[in-house]
Amino acid sequence: FDYTVSVGFIQIYMEMIQDLLDPDNQYIKIREIPGKGVYVDNTTWISVKNVRQAMKVFKSGEQNRATAFTSLNAHSSRSHAVLLVKIEKRKAQKVDEAKKK
């Protein structure tokens, strides 16, 4: 099997959701699909290969968190940062199968 790991980073403050990896993204919504569950739609996902890359993404989001919502006191007890991790598993293709496509 092949695995891909992606991370997203959001902040929730006073019922507003902000994409900390793309602060200009105003289209984030929490949605629910019956049978699948709740998810955050339109979040920026960044593919990572190791912990060092994931920490770099995290630090970038933390910098955006420090500058975002400044007038709203983003680091108050009402502000919640959520690091999202998505792991996808796919059946590995053999070299011959990949050439056919």
Protein backbone atom coordinates (compact mmCIF):
# COMPACT_ATOMS: atom_id res chain seq x y z
CA PHE A 1 0.00 0.00 0.00
CA ASP A 2 0.98 3.63 -0.52
CA TYR A 3 0.25 6.21 2.15
CA THR A 4 0.01 9.97 1.85
CA VAL A 5 -0.08 12.30 4.84
CA SER A 6 -1.43 15.84 4.65
CA VAL A 7 -1.90 18.44 7.36
CA GLY A 8 -4.29 21.34 7.74
CA PHE A 9 -4.47 23.93 10.50
CA ILE A 10 -7.52 25.93 11.51
CA GLN A 11 -8.52 28.28 14.29
CA ILE A 12 -11.99 28.58 15.76
CA TYR A 13 -12.85 31.82 17.52
CA MET A 14 -16.31 33.07 18.41
CA GLU A 15 -17.99 30.79 15.85
CA MET A 16 -15.60 31.89 13.08
CA ILE A 17 -13.24 29.44 11.40
CA GLN A 18 -9.97 30.62 9.92
CA ASP A 19 -7.58 28.63 7.75
CA LEU A 20 -4.21 29.25 9.37
CA LEU A 21 -2.36 27.96 6.29
CA ASP A 22 -4.24 30.39 4.02
CA PRO A 23 -5.65 33.26 6.11
CA ASP A 24 -7.30 34.82 3.02
CA ASN A 25 -9.47 31.70 2.58
CA GLN A 26 -12.97 32.81 3.57
CA TYR A 27 -14.78 29.67 2.37
CA ILE A 28 -14.28 27.24 5.25
CA LYS A 29 -17.40 25.49 6.50
CA ILE A 30 -18.08 22.63 8.86
CA ARG A 31 -20.23 20.06 7.07
CA GLU A 32 -21.66 16.64 7.75
CA ILE A 33 -22.25 13.77 5.37
CA PRO A 34 -24.62 11.12 6.73
CA GLY A 35 -22.73 7.86 7.06
CA LYS A 36 -19.32 9.54 6.79
CA GLY A 37 -19.38 12.12 9.55
CA VAL A 38 -18.33 15.70 10.16
CA TYR A 39 -15.53 17.38 8.20
CA VAL A 40 -14.09 20.83 7.52
CA ASP A 41 -14.72 21.82 3.90
CA ASN A 42 -12.31 23.95 1.81
CA THR A 43 -9.42 23.75 4.24
CA THR A 44 -5.90 24.06 2.84
CA TRP A 45 -4.06 20.72 2.99
CA ILE A 46 -0.29 20.44 2.64
CA SER A 47 1.31 17.10 1.88
CA VAL A 48 4.17 16.13 4.20
CA LYS A 49 6.71 13.32 4.05
CA ASN A 50 8.08 13.44 7.60
CA VAL A 51 7.72 15.01 11.04
CA ARG A 52 10.13 17.85 10.17
CA GLN A 53 7.91 18.96 7.25
CA ALA A 54 4.79 18.68 9.43
CA MET A 55 6.40 20.85 12.12
CA LYS A 56 7.34 23.44 9.48
CA VAL A 57 3.68 23.62 8.41
CA PHE A 58 2.62 23.86 12.06
CA LYS A 59 5.02 26.74 12.74
CA SER A 60 3.78 28.57 9.64
CA GLY A 61 0.21 28.25 10.90
CA GLU A 62 1.25 29.42 14.37
CA GLN A 63 2.77 32.56 12.83
CA ASN A 64 -0.49 33.23 11.00
CA ARG A 65 -2.38 32.64 14.23
CA ALA A 66 -0.27 35.22 16.02
CA THR A 67 -1.05 37.88 13.41
CA ALA A 68 -4.68 36.96 12.71
CA PHE A 69 -7.63 38.16 14.73
CA THR A 70 -5.29 40.53 16.57
CA SER A 71 -8.07 42.86 17.59
CA LEU A 72 -10.18 39.88 18.68
CA ASN A 73 -7.60 38.54 21.14
CA ALA A 74 -6.96 35.28 19.26
CA HIS A 75 -5.03 33.69 22.13
CA SER A 76 -7.85 34.05 24.58
CA SER A 77 -9.45 31.04 26.22
CA ARG A 78 -12.19 31.22 23.58
CA SER A 79 -9.72 30.60 20.73
CA HIS A 80 -9.02 27.02 19.68
CA ALA A 81 -6.38 25.93 17.18
CA VAL A 82 -6.88 22.53 15.56
CA LEU A 83 -4.12 20.71 13.68
CA LEU A 84 -5.75 18.35 11.18
CA VAL A 85 -3.95 15.24 9.95
CA LYS A 86 -5.26 13.28 6.97
CA ILE A 87 -3.78 9.86 6.19
CA GLU A 88 -4.84 8.25 2.93
CA LYS A 89 -4.11 4.64 2.08
CA ARG A 90 -4.08 3.46 -1.51
CA LYS A 91 -3.32 0.16 -3.07
CA ALA A 92 0.16 0.38 -4.59
CA GLN A 93 0.31 0.12 -8.37
CA LYS A 94 2.80 -2.19 -9.97
CA VAL A 95 5.17 -0.58 -12.46
CA ASP A 96 3.43 -2.33 -15.40
CA GLU A 97 -0.01 -1.10 -14.27
CA ALA A 98 1.22 2.49 -13.96
CA LYS A 99 2.59 2.45 -17.53
CA LYS A 100 -0.81 1.37 -18.92
CA LYS A 101 -2.49 4.54 -17.59
